[in-house]
Amino acid sequence: MKIYKILPDIPNPIKYEESMPDSWQQYPRSIDPTLQFHKIIPQMQKGDHEIICKICQSGKECKLSKIEQHYYDFENYNKSIPTIKQCPVVIDYLKIGYTLPAWDDLLIQNIKHNGEYKLIAIDSQKKGFTSLNFEQMDTEKLVGKFLNDYAVKFHFPYRITTKKGYLTVIKNPFYLPNNKITFSEGIMDTSAWSLMNIFAFFDLKENEALQIPKGTPLLHVFEVHHSIFQSNYEIIDYDNVDWDVIDKYDYNEHLAALKKSHYRKIQKTGLKDKPEHLKE
């Protein structure tokens, strides 16, 4: 993927992980468990294992469950509780792609003009940066009364190109939840099209304005192969579940919970078979 800056003096796109706010970057990777224990949070009466284990469902306790319970009771499992920042699933996602920032100080305001509400969108020079200043869809019918009945098309002064066969995924940065603005997500074939003209939706009251400072991360973009469209998806109904397959995954996941294995190791070595003495 190549990202071109097509205006002078605009911010560089930022690696996704580096665009995280300071509050995220400075948050500890593990926390004192008492921080959680002082809160009342309803929890599942049974863990994930008991949901699929036929022995545990019969009212007995299987050997794997006994091993796990012993570990929780006597091996100080709760001495250190990792935060979301240590989750490898989150870490891997943060490593991909870049964010396209606000290229200038931007202002969006909901005004009433000739009896109708309209959104104006201007930069620091009081110039408009959007197109299609007419209603393209009935937003209320599309998503309900959560957003202004009007979409704004941002013209980002960045172009993205990829090699043939590769596409660009466009998403909102998950760590910047903003109930005032959300961008339309999508997949673009940037081997054929480079324009970054992306729709945004707003929730602004009458005369309310949203100011977006220059450099604010707005879009997360990353590259995927076109084979994503050939992915095979199959929904397995409860009555047709292969419980041997699920049991194998469950065993390996509990090895990770018991600190006898971990996610990265399983990625490299593959799933281990559940020992016969634990199948009884």
Protein backbone atom coordinates (compact mmCIF):
# COMPACT_ATOMS: atom_id res chain seq x y z
CA MET A 1 0.00 0.00 0.00
CA LYS A 2 1.15 3.53 -0.80
CA ILE A 3 -0.45 6.63 0.73
CA TYR A 4 0.09 9.88 -1.18
CA LYS A 5 -0.20 13.34 0.38
CA ILE A 6 -1.71 15.48 -2.37
CA LEU A 7 -1.62 18.80 -0.50
CA PRO A 8 1.43 20.49 1.04
CA ASP A 9 1.77 20.95 4.78
CA ILE A 10 -0.73 18.31 5.81
CA PRO A 11 -0.02 15.74 8.55
CA ASN A 12 1.56 12.39 7.76
CA PRO A 13 -0.70 9.37 8.07
CA ILE A 14 0.03 7.66 11.38
CA LYS A 15 0.68 4.02 12.13
CA TYR A 16 -2.44 2.72 13.78
CA GLU A 17 -0.72 1.73 17.03
CA GLU A 18 1.09 5.07 17.24
CA SER A 19 -2.16 6.98 16.78
CA MET A 20 -3.54 5.67 20.05
CA PRO A 21 -4.29 8.46 22.54
CA ASP A 22 -1.98 9.05 25.51
CA SER A 23 -4.60 7.66 27.88
CA TRP A 24 -4.34 4.32 26.08
CA GLN A 25 -0.55 4.30 25.72
CA GLN A 26 0.05 5.15 29.37
CA TYR A 27 -2.48 2.71 30.80
CA PRO A 28 -0.70 -0.17 32.61
CA ARG A 29 -0.43 -3.55 30.94
CA SER A 30 -1.55 -5.30 34.11
CA ILE A 31 -3.60 -4.04 37.03
CA ASP A 32 -4.12 -4.76 40.71
CA PRO A 33 -7.04 -7.21 40.88
CA THR A 34 -8.56 -5.28 43.78
CA LEU A 35 -9.47 -2.60 41.24
CA GLN A 36 -11.97 -5.04 39.80
CA PHE A 37 -13.07 -6.73 42.99
CA HIS A 38 -14.44 -3.49 44.43
CA LYS A 39 -16.98 -3.32 41.61
CA ILE A 40 -20.17 -5.33 41.36
CA ILE A 41 -20.28 -6.81 37.88
CA PRO A 42 -22.76 -9.61 37.09
CA GLN A 43 -20.86 -12.63 35.83
CA MET A 44 -21.77 -15.87 34.09
CA GLN A 45 -22.90 -18.56 36.49
CA LYS A 46 -20.88 -21.05 34.48
CA GLY A 47 -17.69 -20.59 32.52
CA ASP A 48 -17.18 -21.23 28.82
CA HIS A 49 -16.06 -24.82 29.46
CA GLU A 50 -19.23 -25.80 31.33
CA ILE A 51 -21.34 -24.55 28.44
CA ILE A 52 -19.98 -27.24 26.09
CA CYS A 53 -18.81 -29.99 28.48
CA LYS A 54 -21.38 -32.81 28.61
CA ILE A 55 -19.94 -34.20 31.87
CA CYS A 56 -20.20 -30.86 33.67
CA GLN A 57 -23.71 -30.38 32.30
CA SER A 58 -24.74 -33.74 33.79
CA GLY A 59 -24.16 -32.37 37.29
CA LYS A 60 -20.72 -33.94 37.76
CA GLU A 61 -17.39 -32.16 37.48
CA CYS A 62 -14.99 -33.32 34.79
CA LYS A 63 -11.27 -33.75 35.44
CA LEU A 64 -10.33 -30.67 33.42
CA SER A 65 -12.72 -28.56 35.48
CA LYS A 66 -11.22 -29.93 38.72
CA ILE A 67 -7.69 -29.08 37.55
CA GLU A 68 -8.82 -25.57 36.65
CA GLN A 69 -10.58 -25.04 39.99
CA HIS A 70 -7.50 -26.19 41.90
CA TYR A 71 -5.40 -23.74 39.92
CA TYR A 72 -7.73 -20.84 40.74
CA ASP A 73 -7.89 -21.77 44.43
CA PHE A 74 -4.25 -22.52 45.21
CA GLU A 75 -1.95 -21.04 42.58
CA ASN A 76 -2.75 -17.36 42.95
CA TYR A 77 -4.33 -17.01 39.53
CA ASN A 78 -5.63 -13.55 40.42
CA LYS A 79 -2.25 -12.17 41.51
CA SER A 80 -1.98 -10.25 38.25
CA ILE A 81 -4.85 -9.56 35.87
CA PRO A 82 -3.80 -8.57 32.34
CA THR A 83 -5.62 -5.66 30.75
CA ILE A 84 -6.95 -5.44 27.22
CA LYS A 85 -3.54 -4.03 26.24
CA GLN A 86 -2.01 -7.48 26.72
CA CYS A 87 -4.61 -9.28 24.62
CA PRO A 88 -2.75 -10.64 21.54
CA VAL A 89 -5.92 -10.34 19.46
CA VAL A 90 -5.98 -6.58 20.14
CA ILE A 91 -2.21 -6.24 19.79
CA ASP A 92 -2.23 -7.88 16.34
CA TYR A 93 -5.02 -5.59 15.17
CA LEU A 94 -3.12 -2.50 16.32
CA LYS A 95 -0.13 -3.51 14.22
CA ILE A 96 -1.93 -3.24 10.90
CA GLY A 97 -2.59 -0.18 8.82
CA TYR A 98 -2.43 3.56 9.22
CA THR A 99 -4.83 6.29 10.24
CA LEU A 100 -5.72 9.19 7.96
CA PRO A 101 -5.80 12.34 10.12
CA ALA A 102 -7.74 15.56 9.84
CA TRP A 103 -5.58 17.54 7.44
CA ASP A 104 -6.69 20.91 8.84
CA ASP A 105 -8.80 22.34 11.65
CA LEU A 106 -12.28 21.30 10.55
CA LEU A 107 -15.67 22.62 11.67
CA ILE A 108 -19.04 20.98 11.08
CA GLN A 109 -22.20 22.79 12.21
CA ASN A 110 -25.90 21.97 11.99
CA ILE A 111 -27.80 25.10 10.91
CA LYS A 112 -31.35 25.86 9.83
CA HIS A 113 -31.56 27.35 6.35
CA ASN A 114 -34.85 28.16 4.59
CA GLY A 115 -36.71 26.03 7.10
CA GLU A 116 -34.46 22.99 6.66
CA TYR A 117 -31.54 21.73 8.69
CA LYS A 118 -28.25 21.59 6.81
CA LEU A 119 -24.70 20.74 7.80
CA ILE A 120 -21.92 23.12 6.85
CA ALA A 121 -18.36 21.80 6.80
CA ILE A 122 -15.45 24.23 6.50
CA ASP A 123 -11.70 24.24 7.10
CA SER A 124 -9.56 26.87 8.84
CA GLN A 125 -9.71 29.06 5.71
CA LYS A 126 -13.54 28.97 5.77
CA LYS A 127 -13.50 26.81 2.64
CA GLY A 128 -15.82 23.87 2.22
CA PHE A 129 -14.16 20.46 2.06
CA THR A 130 -17.12 18.28 1.18
CA SER A 131 -19.24 17.50 -1.85
CA LEU A 132 -22.76 16.30 -2.59
CA ASN A 133 -24.54 18.90 -0.51
CA PHE A 134 -27.87 17.21 -1.06
CA GLU A 135 -29.58 14.37 0.72
CA GLN A 136 -28.63 11.01 -0.80
CA MET A 137 -30.59 8.81 1.56
CA ASP A 138 -33.21 8.91 4.28
CA THR A 139 -30.89 8.49 7.25
CA GLU A 140 -33.77 8.18 9.68
CA LYS A 141 -35.21 5.23 7.78
CA LEU A 142 -31.74 3.71 7.48
CA VAL A 143 -30.61 3.82 11.11
CA GLY A 144 -33.42 5.47 13.08
CA LYS A 145 -33.46 8.83 14.84
CA PHE A 146 -29.85 8.64 15.96
CA LEU A 147 -28.20 10.82 13.32
CA ASN A 148 -28.87 14.00 11.39
CA ASP A 149 -30.88 13.23 8.27
CA TYR A 150 -27.93 14.22 6.15
CA ALA A 151 -24.59 12.68 5.15
CA VAL A 152 -21.42 14.66 4.45
CA LYS A 153 -18.81 13.41 2.01
CA PHE A 154 -15.27 14.17 3.24
CA HIS A 155 -12.67 14.73 0.53
CA PHE A 156 -9.47 13.52 2.19
CA PRO A 157 -6.36 15.01 0.53
CA TYR A 158 -4.73 11.59 0.53
CA ARG A 159 -4.69 8.97 -2.22
CA ILE A 160 -4.15 5.26 -1.61
CA THR A 161 -2.88 2.75 -4.14
CA THR A 162 -2.24 -0.98 -3.86
CA LYS A 163 -0.91 -3.69 -6.13
CA LYS A 164 -3.42 -5.57 -8.25
CA GLY A 165 -5.29 -8.12 -6.17
CA TYR A 166 -5.09 -6.06 -2.97
CA LEU A 167 -7.88 -3.97 -1.47
CA THR A 168 -8.08 -1.29 1.22
CA VAL A 169 -10.39 -1.71 4.22
CA ILE A 170 -11.74 1.57 5.62
CA LYS A 171 -12.85 1.61 9.27
CA ASN A 172 -13.45 3.94 12.18
CA PRO A 173 -10.66 3.76 14.80
CA PHE A 174 -12.21 1.64 17.55
CA TYR A 175 -10.46 3.55 20.36
CA LEU A 176 -12.00 6.88 19.36
CA PRO A 177 -15.72 6.35 19.96
CA ASN A 178 -17.47 9.59 19.13
CA ASN A 179 -21.24 9.70 19.19
CA LYS A 180 -21.17 12.93 17.21
CA ILE A 181 -19.49 11.59 14.07
CA THR A 182 -19.10 8.21 12.40
CA PHE A 183 -17.68 7.35 8.99
CA SER A 184 -19.14 4.91 6.52
CA GLU A 185 -16.91 1.83 6.52
CA GLY A 186 -16.11 -0.12 3.39
CA ILE A 187 -13.67 -2.01 1.17
CA MET A 188 -12.15 -0.20 -1.82
CA ASP A 189 -10.23 -1.69 -4.72
CA THR A 190 -7.31 0.72 -4.56
CA SER A 191 -5.56 -1.04 -7.43
CA ALA A 192 -8.22 0.65 -9.57
CA TRP A 193 -9.33 3.70 -7.54
CA SER A 194 -7.32 5.96 -5.23
CA LEU A 195 -9.74 8.71 -4.14
CA MET A 196 -10.50 8.84 -0.43
CA ASN A 197 -13.93 10.48 -0.54
CA ILE A 198 -15.71 9.01 2.48
CA PHE A 199 -19.20 9.65 3.84
CA ALA A 200 -19.60 10.80 7.43
CA PHE A 201 -22.75 10.89 9.54
CA PHE A 202 -23.37 13.27 12.43
CA ASP A 203 -25.55 13.71 15.48
CA LEU A 204 -25.63 17.47 16.03
CA LYS A 205 -28.44 19.49 17.56
CA GLU A 206 -29.60 22.78 16.07
CA ASN A 207 -26.65 25.20 15.82
CA GLU A 208 -24.38 22.66 17.51
CA ALA A 209 -20.87 22.56 16.05
CA LEU A 210 -18.20 19.88 16.08
CA GLN A 211 -14.58 21.02 15.91
CA ILE A 212 -11.98 18.52 14.72
CA PRO A 213 -8.39 19.68 15.38
CA LYS A 214 -5.75 19.16 12.70
CA GLY A 215 -4.00 15.83 13.13
CA THR A 216 -6.97 14.04 14.75
CA PRO A 217 -7.03 10.39 13.58
CA LEU A 218 -10.23 9.88 11.59
CA LEU A 219 -9.97 6.73 9.46
CA HIS A 220 -8.20 3.42 9.92
CA VAL A 221 -7.04 1.96 6.58
CA PHE A 222 -5.31 -1.37 5.97
CA GLU A 223 -4.65 -3.75 3.11
CA VAL A 224 -6.27 -7.15 2.49
CA HIS A 225 -6.11 -9.66 -0.36
CA HIS A 226 -9.08 -9.91 -2.73
CA SER A 227 -9.49 -13.58 -1.76
CA ILE A 228 -11.45 -12.23 1.21
CA PHE A 229 -14.45 -12.28 -1.14
CA GLN A 230 -13.96 -16.00 -1.76
CA SER A 231 -13.99 -16.89 1.92
CA ASN A 232 -16.24 -19.82 2.74
CA TYR A 233 -18.71 -19.19 5.55
CA GLU A 234 -20.81 -21.99 6.98
CA ILE A 235 -23.27 -21.77 9.87
CA ILE A 236 -23.40 -24.99 11.91
CA ASP A 237 -26.68 -25.46 13.75
CA TYR A 238 -26.55 -26.73 17.35
CA ASP A 239 -27.89 -30.15 16.37
CA ASN A 240 -25.03 -30.63 13.87
CA VAL A 241 -22.07 -29.44 15.97
CA ASP A 242 -19.00 -31.72 15.88
CA TRP A 243 -18.36 -31.73 19.63
CA ASP A 244 -14.98 -33.47 19.20
CA VAL A 245 -13.72 -30.41 17.30
CA ILE A 246 -15.10 -27.97 19.88
CA ASP A 247 -13.73 -30.11 22.74
CA LYS A 248 -10.25 -29.99 21.19
CA TYR A 249 -10.33 -26.22 21.00
CA ASP A 250 -11.73 -26.02 24.53
CA TYR A 251 -8.90 -28.15 25.92
CA ASN A 252 -6.21 -25.96 24.31
CA GLU A 253 -7.92 -22.77 25.43
CA HIS A 254 -7.98 -24.01 29.01
CA LEU A 255 -4.29 -24.89 28.81
CA ALA A 256 -3.78 -21.21 28.09
CA ALA A 257 -6.04 -20.24 31.00
CA LEU A 258 -4.00 -22.53 33.28
CA LYS A 259 -0.74 -20.89 32.11
CA LYS A 260 0.40 -24.24 30.69
CA SER A 261 0.29 -22.90 27.16
CA HIS A 262 -0.60 -19.62 25.51
CA TYR A 263 -2.19 -18.14 22.41
CA ARG A 264 1.09 -17.49 20.54
CA LYS A 265 2.39 -21.00 21.20
CA ILE A 266 -0.82 -22.58 19.94
CA GLN A 267 -0.57 -20.39 16.83
CA LYS A 268 2.87 -21.84 16.08
CA THR A 269 2.43 -25.49 17.09
CA GLY A 270 -1.25 -26.00 16.34
CA LEU A 271 -3.90 -27.58 18.55
CA LYS A 272 -2.92 -30.43 20.86
CA ASP A 273 -5.16 -33.48 21.20
CA LYS A 274 -6.95 -33.82 24.48
CA PRO A 275 -5.42 -36.69 26.51
CA GLU A 276 -7.56 -39.79 26.88
CA HIS A 277 -7.55 -39.64 30.69
CA LEU A 278 -9.33 -36.23 30.54
CA LYS A 279 -12.04 -37.49 28.19
CA GLU A 280 -13.64 -39.69 30.81
